[in-house]
Amino acid sequence: MKIVVTVKLVPDPNAVRRIDPGTKRLVRAGIETALNPFDEYAIEAALQLKEQIGAPSTGSGQATTVTIFTMAPESMKESLRKALAMGADDAVMLSDPALEGSDVSVTSYAMAQALKKTGFDVILSGALSDDGNTGGVPGALAEYLGVPGLTNVRKIEEIGNGRIKAQRETDSGYQVVSGPLPALVTVTMAVGEPRYASLKGIMGAKKKTISTLSAADCGIDRPVGSDGAKMEVVAIAAPKAREKAKVVEAADGASGAQAILDFLRERKLV
């Protein structure tokens, strides 16, 4: 079984971030790059799944593999080593200057074309990215690939014989959902804390393959990057500073409750 984990390479969460007023994009130059924290949970889920499936009996089939996939500049290649050190088998990068400035729609389309080329049985993904936070790519990617999308999954119960069964988180508990393979699954943090890379894993990651695909390699034949984007950032502005908190001292519970009610009525919230 071929498990693919889509990851995004984002600016280090601890770095100071700023927006370029000209391009209205996040400035990435000069900032360390890291794996999107939400995607680390997808990597953990993929490694758990590989362990769950186990090795095939002699002559009964192919081994289960975990491939990391990202769309990013080739200069960020080494940032994928952490995922390989955690236990993934190899990695693939979709990298092409023409893809710069892609929005959710274009990114999903380009990734889909590349994933059709590499092949997969199941794709695992984090639900959000630490920089954009739109949560739109996984759903659009499933649509472009023409596969079922199982969202907010906290546990994969069964996989095999052409089907997948999982627990999907809801506000009131969880649902048990299933569907045919191939499929795309977004996971929540409930799948388990991402494992640390061992020294052996870190050393082994240096020898693992990270291959690169261009837009032409994937047969991408429509405008991409800024030219193909359907979304445009018109303006950016810093959020307003928070007002100083209002402290009310009440003689008793009733007068305190009345003060809160008056406050909410004043702002037309009740």
Protein backbone atom coordinates (compact mmCIF):
# COMPACT_ATOMS: atom_id res chain seq x y z
CA MET A 1 0.00 0.00 0.00
CA LYS A 2 1.27 3.46 -0.89
CA ILE A 3 0.53 6.07 1.79
CA VAL A 4 1.23 9.68 0.81
CA VAL A 5 1.36 12.51 3.35
CA THR A 6 0.96 16.03 1.98
CA VAL A 7 2.92 18.58 3.98
CA LYS A 8 3.45 22.30 3.75
CA LEU A 9 6.75 23.98 4.53
CA VAL A 10 6.00 27.11 6.57
CA PRO A 11 8.06 29.83 8.26
CA ASP A 12 9.37 28.77 11.66
CA PRO A 13 6.50 29.37 14.15
CA ASN A 14 8.92 31.16 16.46
CA ALA A 15 10.09 33.62 13.79
CA VAL A 16 8.77 37.17 13.46
CA ARG A 17 6.46 37.27 10.45
CA ARG A 18 5.61 40.21 8.24
CA ILE A 19 3.66 40.88 5.06
CA ASP A 20 5.30 42.48 2.03
CA PRO A 21 3.13 45.59 1.35
CA GLY A 22 3.88 45.36 -2.38
CA THR A 23 3.07 41.71 -3.09
CA LYS A 24 0.74 41.38 -0.05
CA ARG A 25 2.35 38.00 0.63
CA LEU A 26 4.10 36.59 3.65
CA VAL A 27 7.82 37.34 3.51
CA ARG A 28 9.68 34.03 3.58
CA ALA A 29 13.19 35.16 2.64
CA GLY A 30 15.67 34.99 5.48
CA ILE A 31 13.33 32.97 7.72
CA GLU A 32 13.95 29.37 8.73
CA THR A 33 11.50 26.90 7.22
CA ALA A 34 9.76 24.15 9.20
CA LEU A 35 7.17 21.44 8.68
CA ASN A 36 3.63 22.70 9.19
CA PRO A 37 2.85 21.53 12.77
CA PHE A 38 -0.60 20.23 11.78
CA ASP A 39 0.99 18.05 9.09
CA GLU A 40 3.26 16.39 11.65
CA TYR A 41 0.13 14.73 13.03
CA ALA A 42 -0.63 13.41 9.54
CA ILE A 43 2.89 11.96 9.38
CA GLU A 44 2.33 10.29 12.75
CA ALA A 45 -1.01 8.86 11.53
CA ALA A 46 0.70 7.51 8.39
CA LEU A 47 3.45 5.82 10.38
CA GLN A 48 0.86 4.31 12.74
CA LEU A 49 -1.06 3.05 9.71
CA LYS A 50 2.06 1.47 8.24
CA GLU A 51 2.71 -0.29 11.56
CA GLN A 52 -0.94 -1.36 11.71
CA ILE A 53 -0.82 -2.92 8.23
CA GLY A 54 2.52 -4.60 8.91
CA ALA A 55 4.80 -6.36 6.46
CA PRO A 56 3.19 -8.56 3.78
CA SER A 57 3.60 -12.30 3.90
CA THR A 58 6.28 -13.62 1.57
CA GLY A 59 5.11 -13.32 -2.01
CA SER A 60 1.69 -11.97 -1.02
CA GLY A 61 2.11 -8.35 -2.07
CA GLN A 62 4.09 -5.14 -1.98
CA ALA A 63 5.41 -3.51 1.18
CA THR A 64 3.57 -0.53 2.66
CA THR A 65 5.45 2.74 2.16
CA VAL A 66 5.04 6.30 3.43
CA THR A 67 5.92 9.07 0.96
CA ILE A 68 6.06 12.75 1.92
CA PHE A 69 4.76 15.13 -0.75
CA THR A 70 5.08 18.91 -0.85
CA MET A 71 4.80 21.81 -3.27
CA ALA A 72 7.61 24.21 -2.48
CA PRO A 73 10.75 25.87 -3.87
CA GLU A 74 13.61 23.41 -4.28
CA SER A 75 15.68 25.54 -1.90
CA MET A 76 13.49 24.19 0.94
CA LYS A 77 14.39 20.59 0.12
CA GLU A 78 16.36 19.88 3.29
CA SER A 79 13.40 20.93 5.45
CA LEU A 80 11.80 17.60 4.53
CA ARG A 81 14.54 15.63 6.30
CA LYS A 82 12.66 15.86 9.60
CA ALA A 83 9.73 13.94 8.12
CA LEU A 84 12.12 11.33 6.77
CA ALA A 85 13.86 11.12 10.14
CA MET A 86 10.50 10.43 11.81
CA GLY A 87 10.21 7.30 9.67
CA ALA A 88 8.84 8.17 6.21
CA ASP A 89 10.46 6.22 3.37
CA ASP A 90 10.98 8.93 0.78
CA ALA A 91 9.77 12.34 -0.39
CA VAL A 92 8.61 14.07 -3.57
CA MET A 93 8.66 17.82 -4.23
CA LEU A 94 6.61 19.65 -6.82
CA SER A 95 8.88 22.61 -7.47
CA ASP A 96 8.64 25.17 -10.26
CA PRO A 97 9.07 28.98 -10.32
CA ALA A 98 5.86 29.18 -12.37
CA LEU A 99 3.88 28.03 -9.32
CA GLU A 100 4.81 31.05 -7.21
CA GLY A 101 1.74 33.00 -6.09
CA SER A 102 -0.68 30.07 -6.44
CA ASP A 103 -3.90 30.32 -4.43
CA VAL A 104 -5.87 27.41 -2.93
CA SER A 105 -7.45 26.45 -6.26
CA VAL A 106 -4.23 26.50 -8.27
CA THR A 107 -2.22 24.81 -5.51
CA SER A 108 -4.77 21.99 -5.26
CA TYR A 109 -4.88 21.53 -9.04
CA ALA A 110 -1.09 21.41 -9.37
CA MET A 111 -0.72 19.02 -6.46
CA ALA A 112 -3.42 16.76 -7.91
CA GLN A 113 -1.60 16.52 -11.23
CA ALA A 114 1.62 15.58 -9.46
CA LEU A 115 -0.07 13.02 -7.21
CA LYS A 116 -1.73 11.38 -10.20
CA LYS A 117 1.77 10.88 -11.57
CA THR A 118 3.30 9.52 -8.36
CA GLY A 119 0.29 7.36 -7.49
CA PHE A 120 -1.27 6.65 -4.07
CA ASP A 121 -3.70 4.41 -2.22
CA VAL A 122 -4.46 6.87 0.56
CA ILE A 123 -3.43 10.50 1.17
CA LEU A 124 -3.16 11.86 4.69
CA SER A 125 -3.10 15.57 5.42
CA GLY A 126 -3.26 18.01 8.31
CA ALA A 127 -6.50 19.98 8.41
CA LEU A 128 -4.86 23.45 8.45
CA SER A 129 -1.60 25.20 7.67
CA ASP A 130 0.19 27.34 10.24
CA ASP A 131 0.65 30.26 7.84
CA GLY A 132 -2.45 30.46 5.61
CA ASN A 133 -4.95 28.70 7.90
CA THR A 134 -7.64 28.47 5.20
CA GLY A 135 -8.16 24.72 5.48
CA GLY A 136 -9.25 24.74 1.83
CA VAL A 137 -6.56 22.70 0.10
CA PRO A 138 -7.45 19.14 1.27
CA GLY A 139 -11.08 19.38 0.13
CA ALA A 140 -10.16 20.95 -3.20
CA LEU A 141 -7.41 18.36 -3.69
CA ALA A 142 -9.86 15.49 -3.16
CA GLU A 143 -12.18 17.10 -5.71
CA TYR A 144 -9.45 17.47 -8.34
CA LEU A 145 -8.34 13.88 -7.74
CA GLY A 146 -11.92 12.58 -7.87
CA VAL A 147 -11.58 10.63 -4.60
CA PRO A 148 -13.62 10.61 -1.36
CA GLY A 149 -12.51 13.06 1.33
CA LEU A 150 -12.77 11.93 4.96
CA THR A 151 -12.30 14.98 7.18
CA ASN A 152 -11.46 15.52 10.86
CA VAL A 153 -10.40 11.91 11.36
CA ARG A 154 -9.12 11.00 14.81
CA LYS A 155 -8.49 7.31 14.18
CA ILE A 156 -8.31 4.98 11.19
CA GLU A 157 -9.98 1.78 12.33
CA GLU A 158 -9.58 -0.40 9.25
CA ILE A 159 -7.98 -0.19 5.83
CA GLY A 160 -7.74 -2.86 3.16
CA ASN A 161 -9.70 -4.74 0.53
CA GLY A 162 -10.33 -1.50 -1.28
CA ARG A 163 -11.98 0.33 1.64
CA ILE A 164 -11.16 2.56 4.60
CA LYS A 165 -13.07 2.95 7.88
CA ALA A 166 -12.37 5.77 10.34
CA GLN A 167 -13.63 7.75 13.31
CA ARG A 168 -14.51 11.33 12.42
CA GLU A 169 -14.56 13.96 15.17
CA THR A 170 -17.72 16.04 15.67
CA ASP A 171 -18.75 18.68 18.21
CA SER A 172 -20.67 16.09 20.18
CA GLY A 173 -18.43 13.01 19.83
CA TYR A 174 -17.48 11.08 16.73
CA GLN A 175 -18.96 9.38 13.70
CA VAL A 176 -17.79 6.11 12.15
CA VAL A 177 -17.43 6.70 8.42
CA SER A 178 -16.16 4.55 5.57
CA GLY A 179 -15.49 4.80 1.87
CA PRO A 180 -13.65 3.25 -1.06
CA LEU A 181 -9.95 3.59 -1.77
CA PRO A 182 -8.14 5.56 -3.01
CA ALA A 183 -9.17 8.31 -0.60
CA LEU A 184 -7.94 11.48 1.06
CA VAL A 185 -8.03 11.81 4.85
CA THR A 186 -7.47 14.90 7.00
CA VAL A 187 -6.51 14.15 10.58
CA THR A 188 -6.89 15.95 13.89
CA MET A 189 -4.43 16.16 16.76
CA ALA A 190 -6.32 13.31 18.43
CA VAL A 191 -4.45 10.78 16.26
CA GLY A 192 -1.55 11.02 18.69
CA GLU A 193 1.45 13.18 19.49
CA PRO A 194 3.98 13.17 16.62
CA ARG A 195 6.96 10.99 17.47
CA TYR A 196 10.45 12.38 17.92
CA ALA A 197 13.09 11.41 15.41
CA SER A 198 15.64 9.01 16.86
CA LEU A 199 19.39 9.41 16.25
CA LYS A 200 19.19 6.38 13.97
CA GLY A 201 16.30 8.01 12.09
CA ILE A 202 18.18 11.30 11.71
CA MET A 203 21.24 9.52 10.32
CA GLY A 204 19.12 7.35 8.02
CA ALA A 205 17.20 10.36 6.67
CA LYS A 206 20.38 11.66 5.06
CA LYS A 207 20.37 8.68 2.70
CA LYS A 208 16.68 8.74 1.78
CA THR A 209 15.53 9.99 -1.61
CA ILE A 210 13.87 13.37 -2.20
CA SER A 211 12.85 13.54 -5.86
CA THR A 212 11.70 16.67 -7.67
CA LEU A 213 8.96 17.20 -10.26
CA SER A 214 8.40 20.30 -12.39
CA ALA A 215 5.08 21.57 -13.71
CA ALA A 216 5.96 20.16 -17.14
CA ASP A 217 6.74 16.73 -15.65
CA CYS A 218 3.20 16.59 -14.28
CA GLY A 219 1.47 17.66 -17.49
CA ILE A 220 0.20 20.91 -16.00
CA ASP A 221 -1.26 22.69 -19.00
CA ARG A 222 -3.24 25.60 -17.59
CA PRO A 223 -2.18 28.95 -16.06
CA VAL A 224 -0.71 28.52 -12.59
CA GLY A 225 0.89 30.79 -10.03
CA SER A 226 -0.36 34.36 -9.89
CA ASP A 227 -1.65 34.12 -13.49
CA GLY A 228 -4.03 31.29 -12.63
CA ALA A 229 -5.07 32.42 -9.15
CA LYS A 230 -8.75 33.17 -8.64
CA MET A 231 -8.22 34.94 -5.34
CA GLU A 232 -6.64 38.36 -4.94
CA VAL A 233 -5.58 40.11 -1.74
CA VAL A 234 -6.84 43.66 -2.19
CA ALA A 235 -5.61 45.23 1.05
CA ILE A 236 -3.94 44.35 4.31
CA ALA A 237 -4.14 46.07 7.68
CA ALA A 238 -3.02 45.42 11.24
CA PRO A 239 -5.78 44.46 13.68
CA LYS A 240 -7.04 47.14 16.01
CA ALA A 241 -5.44 47.25 19.42
CA ARG A 242 -7.58 45.75 22.13
CA GLU A 243 -9.36 48.17 24.41
CA LYS A 244 -8.42 48.23 28.05
CA ALA A 245 -10.50 45.76 30.03
CA LYS A 246 -13.41 47.12 32.05
CA VAL A 247 -13.47 45.98 35.65
CA VAL A 248 -16.79 46.08 37.51
CA GLU A 249 -16.98 45.56 41.26
CA ALA A 250 -20.36 44.22 42.29
CA ALA A 251 -21.79 44.09 45.79
CA ASP A 252 -23.47 40.74 45.12
CA GLY A 253 -24.25 38.22 42.41
CA ALA A 254 -27.47 39.88 41.31
CA SER A 255 -25.89 43.30 40.76
CA GLY A 256 -22.92 41.63 39.00
CA ALA A 257 -25.25 39.80 36.63
CA GLN A 258 -27.13 43.03 35.94
CA ALA A 259 -23.85 44.82 35.12
CA ILE A 260 -22.98 42.09 32.60
CA LEU A 261 -26.45 42.24 31.04
CA ASP A 262 -26.25 46.04 30.73
CA PHE A 263 -22.83 45.71 29.09
CA LEU A 264 -24.14 43.22 26.51
CA ARG A 265 -27.26 45.30 25.80
CA GLU A 266 -25.14 48.40 25.26
CA ARG A 267 -23.29 46.56 22.50
CA LYS A 268 -26.50 45.03 21.16
CA LEU A 269 -25.26 41.50 21.79
CA VAL A 270 -28.49 40.42 23.52
